[in-house]
Amino acid sequence: MRALVIAEHDNASIKRATLNTVTAASHITMKANGEIHILVVGHKCLSLAQSAAHIAGVAKVIHADGEQFAHGLAENMADQVLAIAGGYSHILFPATASGKNIAPRVAAKLDVGQISDVTKVCSPDTFERPIYAGNAISIVQSLDNKKVITVRTTGFDPAATRGGSAVVETTSAVADTGKSRFEGNELAENDRPELTAAKIIVSGGRALGSAENFNKVITPLADALGAAIGASRAAVDAGYAPNDLQVGQTGKIVAPELYIAAGISGAIQHLAGMKDSKVIVAINKDAEAPIFSVADYGLEADLFGAVPELVSEIQQHQSSARGKQ
C-alpha cells in the first residue's frame, strides 16, 4: 500500500496544510505497513522537493517541473497526478481551495468516489467526516481500488519538517492542457499570520456595527496578541471585513490555540469553521448566544467596553513583563 500526498506550495515554500495531510496519510499507511510519497509539482521548484524530503515519515518525493505548473492551474495539476496515479492506493489532497479544485477532477478521471473533508482515519478504507455543518459525523467506507481523499487539516497535527530522509525522484512533466490560462492575481499585503495557520485568532461579528468599529475594536486586540484577524459571515456580508477573513463552513476552517469571538452569535456555519480551536473565548452581551455553547470561557458583556479593557490589561501585563527583564 502506498499513499500519495499532493503538496501545496507557492513555489517558495511548502504550505503547512501539506504537513497535516502527511499526518493523515501516515494514519492510513501505518495500519498496513505502507509508504508515503509526496508529489511536488511547480515551476523551478526543485528546492521545494528537496525540502519536502526532510518531512518525517515520507519515503519518496516525486518532482515534476514546468512553466505550465507555475500558477497551479487545476487542469494541468490533475493531469500530472493522473500520470503517476497508477502506483498508489490512496491519493490525498489538503481540503483547501486548491485541493478542492484538483481532487474532484482526479476522482472523476479515475471513476472513483471522492472522500471529502476527512477528519479521522478508522482504517485504510474507512474514514470519518463531518456533515450538516459539523453537527453530525459520518463514517464512510470506500470499496474503490483507489481512494481520492481531501483532508480537513484541522483534524490532524502537522508532520515534523525535520527527521525524514526521502529520495527525490524527477518525473516527466505532462504537457499544458490548454484548457485554462492564468490571467493575473491581486495579493492583499498583510503583516499578520496567515489565518489558517495562526496560533491566535481574534474574530469580529455583526454586532460591531460598521467597518470603522470593526477596525477600531478588533485590530488593537489582534495587535496586542500578535494574532490573525477573522470575521463571521454576517460581518463580511455587511462589508465590515474583506471576504478572505471569513471563518466558517463557507469561509476558512481554523483550529488555533486560542480563538476569541467578539460580537459573534455563533451561527451553525461559523461554529463549523472554528469549534476545533483549542481554547475558545466568547464575548457577547446576549447570554443565549449559541457561541457560548462551544466556548471554554464566556464573557457576557458589551464588546465595546470589554475588548478595549482587555487590550489595556494585556498591554499593562506586557509592559510589566518587559520591565522585569
Protein backbone atom coordinates (compact mmCIF):
# COMPACT_ATOMS: atom_id res chain seq x y z
CA MET A 1 0.00 0.00 0.00
CA ARG A 2 1.32 3.41 -1.00
CA ALA A 3 -0.23 6.80 -0.34
CA LEU A 4 0.47 9.88 -2.45
CA VAL A 5 0.20 13.33 -0.88
CA ILE A 6 -0.15 16.26 -3.28
CA ALA A 7 1.98 19.07 -1.90
CA GLU A 8 0.52 22.55 -1.74
CA HIS A 9 3.02 25.37 -2.13
CA ASP A 10 3.60 28.79 -3.67
CA ASN A 11 6.85 27.89 -5.47
CA ALA A 12 8.66 29.39 -2.47
CA SER A 13 7.68 27.22 0.50
CA ILE A 14 5.63 24.16 1.33
CA LYS A 15 2.29 25.10 2.90
CA ARG A 16 1.51 23.90 6.40
CA ALA A 17 -1.62 22.15 5.06
CA THR A 18 0.69 19.65 3.33
CA LEU A 19 2.16 18.65 6.68
CA ASN A 20 -1.30 17.97 8.13
CA THR A 21 -2.10 15.86 5.08
CA VAL A 22 1.09 13.83 5.53
CA THR A 23 -0.04 13.01 9.07
CA ALA A 24 -3.40 11.83 7.75
CA ALA A 25 -1.58 9.66 5.21
CA SER A 26 0.55 8.18 7.99
CA HIS A 27 -2.62 7.07 9.80
CA ILE A 28 -3.52 5.13 6.67
CA THR A 29 -0.15 3.58 5.89
CA MET A 30 0.76 2.63 9.46
CA LYS A 31 -2.24 0.31 9.53
CA ALA A 32 -0.85 -1.60 6.53
CA ASN A 33 2.92 -1.03 6.73
CA GLY A 34 2.76 1.16 3.65
CA GLU A 35 4.76 4.11 2.33
CA ILE A 36 4.05 7.80 1.91
CA HIS A 37 5.19 9.64 -1.21
CA ILE A 38 4.82 13.38 -1.86
CA LEU A 39 4.24 14.87 -5.30
CA VAL A 40 5.70 18.36 -5.72
CA VAL A 41 4.51 19.98 -8.94
CA GLY A 42 5.54 23.52 -9.85
CA HIS A 43 7.92 25.75 -11.76
CA LYS A 44 11.58 25.91 -10.70
CA CYS A 45 10.64 24.11 -7.50
CA LEU A 46 13.42 21.54 -7.09
CA SER A 47 14.43 23.18 -3.81
CA LEU A 48 10.91 22.60 -2.51
CA ALA A 49 11.13 18.93 -3.40
CA GLN A 50 14.43 18.71 -1.56
CA SER A 51 12.84 20.44 1.43
CA ALA A 52 9.89 18.03 1.36
CA ALA A 53 12.35 15.13 1.53
CA HIS A 54 13.06 16.10 5.14
CA ILE A 55 9.42 15.75 6.26
CA ALA A 56 9.16 12.97 8.83
CA GLY A 57 7.57 9.76 7.60
CA VAL A 58 8.00 10.40 3.87
CA ALA A 59 9.73 7.68 1.84
CA LYS A 60 9.92 9.39 -1.57
CA VAL A 61 9.38 12.81 -3.11
CA ILE A 62 8.36 12.95 -6.77
CA HIS A 63 9.18 16.20 -8.52
CA ALA A 64 7.58 17.47 -11.73
CA ASP A 65 8.63 20.83 -13.12
CA GLY A 66 7.30 23.00 -15.90
CA GLU A 67 6.16 26.53 -16.67
CA GLN A 68 2.62 25.19 -17.14
CA PHE A 69 2.53 24.49 -13.39
CA ALA A 70 3.71 27.92 -12.26
CA HIS A 71 0.27 29.01 -11.09
CA GLY A 72 -1.21 25.66 -10.06
CA LEU A 73 -3.93 25.54 -12.73
CA ALA A 74 -6.19 22.65 -11.77
CA GLU A 75 -6.40 21.11 -15.25
CA ASN A 76 -2.63 20.74 -15.59
CA MET A 77 -2.18 19.67 -11.97
CA ALA A 78 -4.83 16.97 -12.28
CA ASP A 79 -3.21 15.54 -15.40
CA GLN A 80 0.15 15.35 -13.63
CA VAL A 81 -1.40 13.49 -10.70
CA LEU A 82 -3.15 11.09 -13.07
CA ALA A 83 0.13 10.41 -14.86
CA ILE A 84 1.51 8.66 -11.77
CA ALA A 85 -1.72 7.64 -10.02
CA GLY A 86 -1.43 4.03 -11.12
CA GLY A 87 1.08 3.18 -8.42
CA TYR A 88 -1.00 4.38 -5.47
CA SER A 89 -3.93 3.09 -3.46
CA HIS A 90 -4.62 6.45 -1.77
CA ILE A 91 -4.24 9.97 -3.19
CA LEU A 92 -4.58 12.74 -0.62
CA PHE A 93 -5.07 16.49 -1.01
CA PRO A 94 -5.44 19.18 1.66
CA ALA A 95 -9.07 20.33 1.79
CA THR A 96 -8.09 23.84 0.72
CA ALA A 97 -9.29 25.89 -2.24
CA SER A 98 -6.54 24.35 -4.38
CA GLY A 99 -7.07 20.78 -3.19
CA LYS A 100 -10.84 21.03 -3.63
CA ASN A 101 -10.27 22.25 -7.18
CA ILE A 102 -7.95 19.44 -8.26
CA ALA A 103 -9.19 16.38 -6.34
CA PRO A 104 -12.65 16.08 -7.99
CA ARG A 105 -11.03 16.12 -11.44
CA VAL A 106 -8.71 13.30 -10.42
CA ALA A 107 -11.54 11.27 -8.87
CA ALA A 108 -13.74 11.71 -11.95
CA LYS A 109 -10.99 10.62 -14.35
CA LEU A 110 -10.26 7.57 -12.16
CA ASP A 111 -14.01 6.84 -11.98
CA VAL A 112 -14.00 6.63 -8.18
CA GLY A 113 -15.92 8.43 -5.47
CA GLN A 114 -14.14 11.23 -3.66
CA ILE A 115 -13.99 11.11 0.13
CA SER A 116 -14.14 14.73 1.25
CA ASP A 117 -13.09 16.59 4.40
CA VAL A 118 -11.73 13.58 6.28
CA THR A 119 -11.10 14.30 9.96
CA LYS A 120 -10.19 10.78 11.16
CA VAL A 121 -8.82 7.57 9.65
CA CYS A 122 -10.55 4.50 11.08
CA SER A 123 -8.88 2.05 8.68
CA PRO A 124 -7.36 2.21 5.20
CA ASP A 125 -10.85 2.12 3.67
CA THR A 126 -12.97 3.76 6.39
CA PHE A 127 -12.97 7.41 7.39
CA GLU A 128 -14.84 9.97 9.46
CA ARG A 129 -16.02 13.27 8.01
CA PRO A 130 -18.35 16.00 9.31
CA ILE A 131 -21.77 16.56 7.76
CA TYR A 132 -24.60 19.02 8.40
CA ALA A 133 -22.15 21.84 9.18
CA GLY A 134 -20.34 19.66 11.69
CA ASN A 135 -23.44 18.71 13.67
CA ALA A 136 -23.00 15.05 12.80
CA ILE A 137 -20.09 12.79 11.94
CA SER A 138 -20.44 10.39 9.04
CA ILE A 139 -18.41 7.17 8.87
CA VAL A 140 -17.66 6.45 5.21
CA GLN A 141 -16.28 3.22 3.79
CA SER A 142 -14.91 3.16 0.25
CA LEU A 143 -14.63 -0.07 -1.74
CA ASP A 144 -12.93 1.65 -4.67
CA ASN A 145 -9.50 0.30 -5.54
CA LYS A 146 -8.16 3.86 -5.33
CA LYS A 147 -9.19 6.35 -2.70
CA VAL A 148 -9.14 10.04 -3.58
CA ILE A 149 -9.31 11.98 -0.32
CA THR A 150 -9.36 15.60 0.78
CA VAL A 151 -8.15 16.12 4.34
CA ARG A 152 -9.57 18.69 6.74
CA THR A 153 -6.25 19.92 8.02
CA THR A 154 -7.58 20.97 11.44
CA GLY A 155 -8.24 17.30 12.18
CA PHE A 156 -4.56 16.29 12.11
CA ASP A 157 -1.40 17.64 13.68
CA PRO A 158 1.29 18.75 11.21
CA ALA A 159 4.10 16.32 10.46
CA ALA A 160 7.58 17.34 11.59
CA THR A 161 9.56 19.22 8.94
CA ARG A 162 12.77 17.51 10.05
CA GLY A 163 13.70 13.90 10.56
CA GLY A 164 12.93 12.48 7.14
CA SER A 165 15.43 11.37 4.51
CA ALA A 166 13.32 10.65 1.47
CA VAL A 167 14.63 10.02 -2.02
CA VAL A 168 13.87 12.78 -4.56
CA GLU A 169 12.86 11.48 -7.97
CA THR A 170 12.11 13.63 -11.02
CA THR A 171 9.28 12.56 -13.30
CA SER A 172 8.33 13.76 -16.77
CA ALA A 173 6.04 16.77 -16.77
CA VAL A 174 2.76 16.46 -18.67
CA ALA A 175 2.02 18.96 -21.42
CA ASP A 176 -0.13 22.04 -20.92
CA THR A 177 -3.77 21.03 -21.49
CA GLY A 178 -4.56 24.45 -22.95
CA LYS A 179 -7.94 24.38 -21.19
CA SER A 180 -7.22 27.36 -18.95
CA ARG A 181 -4.71 30.14 -18.63
CA PHE A 182 -3.51 32.38 -15.83
CA GLU A 183 -4.54 36.00 -16.30
CA GLY A 184 -3.29 37.58 -13.09
CA ASN A 185 -3.94 37.97 -9.40
CA GLU A 186 -4.17 40.64 -6.75
CA LEU A 187 -2.45 39.93 -3.46
CA ALA A 188 -3.51 41.68 -0.28
CA GLU A 189 -0.50 42.76 1.76
CA ASN A 190 -0.78 41.56 5.33
CA ASP A 191 1.84 41.50 8.05
CA ARG A 192 -0.32 39.28 10.23
CA PRO A 193 -0.10 35.47 10.42
CA GLU A 194 -2.00 33.56 7.76
CA LEU A 195 -5.49 32.89 9.07
CA THR A 196 -5.46 29.11 8.61
CA ALA A 197 -2.01 28.77 10.20
CA ALA A 198 -2.30 31.32 13.03
CA LYS A 199 -1.96 30.22 16.65
CA ILE A 200 -4.22 33.05 17.84
CA ILE A 201 -7.23 34.46 16.01
CA VAL A 202 -9.44 37.38 17.00
CA SER A 203 -12.75 37.42 15.13
CA GLY A 204 -15.48 40.04 14.99
CA GLY A 205 -19.15 39.74 14.14
CA ARG A 206 -22.13 41.76 13.01
CA ALA A 207 -22.55 43.31 16.47
CA LEU A 208 -19.63 45.63 15.69
CA GLY A 209 -21.99 47.63 13.50
CA SER A 210 -19.58 49.04 10.92
CA ALA A 211 -16.22 48.57 9.21
CA GLU A 212 -14.91 51.50 11.24
CA ASN A 213 -15.91 49.86 14.53
CA PHE A 214 -14.52 46.53 13.34
CA ASN A 215 -11.08 48.05 12.82
CA LYS A 216 -11.30 50.21 15.93
CA VAL A 217 -12.18 47.32 18.27
CA ILE A 218 -10.72 44.15 16.73
CA THR A 219 -7.40 45.44 15.37
CA PRO A 220 -5.93 46.66 18.71
CA LEU A 221 -6.69 43.31 20.36
CA ALA A 222 -5.12 41.40 17.47
CA ASP A 223 -2.09 43.70 17.61
CA ALA A 224 -1.69 43.16 21.35
CA LEU A 225 -1.79 39.38 20.95
CA GLY A 226 0.10 39.12 17.65
CA ALA A 227 -2.99 37.45 16.27
CA ALA A 228 -4.64 36.97 12.90
CA ILE A 229 -7.99 38.65 12.30
CA GLY A 230 -11.12 36.75 11.33
CA ALA A 231 -14.75 37.62 10.80
CA SER A 232 -18.15 35.98 10.76
CA ARG A 233 -20.06 35.62 7.51
CA ALA A 234 -22.54 38.23 8.72
CA ALA A 235 -19.73 40.74 9.25
CA VAL A 236 -18.28 40.00 5.81
CA ASP A 237 -21.68 40.22 4.09
CA ALA A 238 -22.27 43.56 5.80
CA GLY A 239 -18.97 44.85 4.43
CA TYR A 240 -17.22 45.21 7.80
CA ALA A 241 -14.35 42.92 6.76
CA PRO A 242 -12.98 41.51 3.47
CA ASN A 243 -14.09 38.11 2.25
CA ASP A 244 -10.70 36.45 2.83
CA LEU A 245 -11.15 36.93 6.60
CA GLN A 246 -14.34 34.89 6.78
CA VAL A 247 -14.24 31.96 9.18
CA GLY A 248 -16.85 29.23 8.80
CA GLN A 249 -18.19 26.46 6.64
CA THR A 250 -18.34 28.81 3.64
CA GLY A 251 -15.09 30.53 4.63
CA LYS A 252 -11.91 29.19 6.19
CA ILE A 253 -11.68 26.29 8.61
CA VAL A 254 -9.37 27.15 11.51
CA ALA A 255 -8.14 25.48 14.69
CA PRO A 256 -5.80 27.88 16.50
CA GLU A 257 -4.51 27.56 20.05
CA LEU A 258 -6.75 30.50 21.03
CA TYR A 259 -9.87 31.80 19.26
CA ILE A 260 -11.52 34.96 20.54
CA ALA A 261 -15.01 35.66 19.18
CA ALA A 262 -16.24 39.21 19.82
CA GLY A 263 -19.81 40.04 18.93
CA ILE A 264 -20.37 36.74 17.14
CA SER A 265 -23.65 34.99 17.93
CA GLY A 266 -22.44 31.58 16.78
CA ALA A 267 -24.42 30.52 13.72
CA ILE A 268 -24.01 26.86 12.78
CA GLN A 269 -21.91 27.63 9.71
CA HIS A 270 -19.49 29.74 11.79
CA LEU A 271 -19.15 27.13 14.54
CA ALA A 272 -18.33 24.53 11.89
CA GLY A 273 -15.26 26.56 10.96
CA MET A 274 -13.76 27.18 14.41
CA LYS A 275 -15.08 24.76 17.02
CA ASP A 276 -11.92 22.62 16.84
CA SER A 277 -9.91 25.53 18.31
CA LYS A 278 -8.00 24.51 21.44
CA VAL A 279 -9.38 27.35 23.59
CA ILE A 280 -12.42 29.44 22.64
CA VAL A 281 -13.24 32.75 24.30
CA ALA A 282 -16.61 34.37 23.57
CA ILE A 283 -17.57 37.98 24.30
CA ASN A 284 -21.24 38.72 23.75
CA LYS A 285 -23.92 40.63 25.63
CA ASP A 286 -26.57 38.06 24.69
CA ALA A 287 -26.46 35.33 27.32
CA GLU A 288 -28.39 33.00 24.98
CA ALA A 289 -25.93 33.32 22.08
CA PRO A 290 -25.05 29.86 20.68
CA ILE A 291 -21.34 30.74 20.73
CA PHE A 292 -21.35 30.20 24.49
CA SER A 293 -22.21 26.51 23.95
CA VAL A 294 -18.77 25.84 22.47
CA ALA A 295 -16.78 28.44 24.42
CA ASP A 296 -14.28 27.44 27.09
CA TYR A 297 -14.54 30.94 28.55
CA GLY A 298 -17.53 33.24 28.08
CA LEU A 299 -17.91 36.89 28.99
CA GLU A 300 -21.44 38.29 28.95
CA ALA A 301 -20.64 41.94 28.29
CA ASP A 302 -20.81 44.76 25.79
CA LEU A 303 -17.82 44.22 23.49
CA PHE A 304 -17.29 47.98 23.05
CA GLY A 305 -16.32 48.19 26.70
CA ALA A 306 -14.92 44.70 27.31
CA VAL A 307 -12.50 44.49 24.38
CA PRO A 308 -10.70 47.82 24.98
CA GLU A 309 -10.44 46.91 28.66
CA LEU A 310 -8.93 43.56 27.72
CA VAL A 311 -6.44 45.30 25.40
CA SER A 312 -5.44 47.64 28.23
CA GLU A 313 -4.89 44.72 30.62
CA ILE A 314 -2.77 42.85 28.06
CA GLN A 315 -0.64 45.90 27.35
CA GLN A 316 -0.09 46.54 31.06
CA HIS A 317 0.93 42.93 31.59
CA GLN A 318 3.32 43.06 28.63
CA SER A 319 4.82 46.33 29.86
CA SER A 320 5.30 44.88 33.34
CA ALA A 321 6.92 41.73 31.92
CA ARG A 322 9.36 43.82 29.86
CA GLY A 323 10.23 45.87 32.96
CA LYS A 324 11.26 42.75 34.85
CA GLN A 325 13.65 41.60 32.13
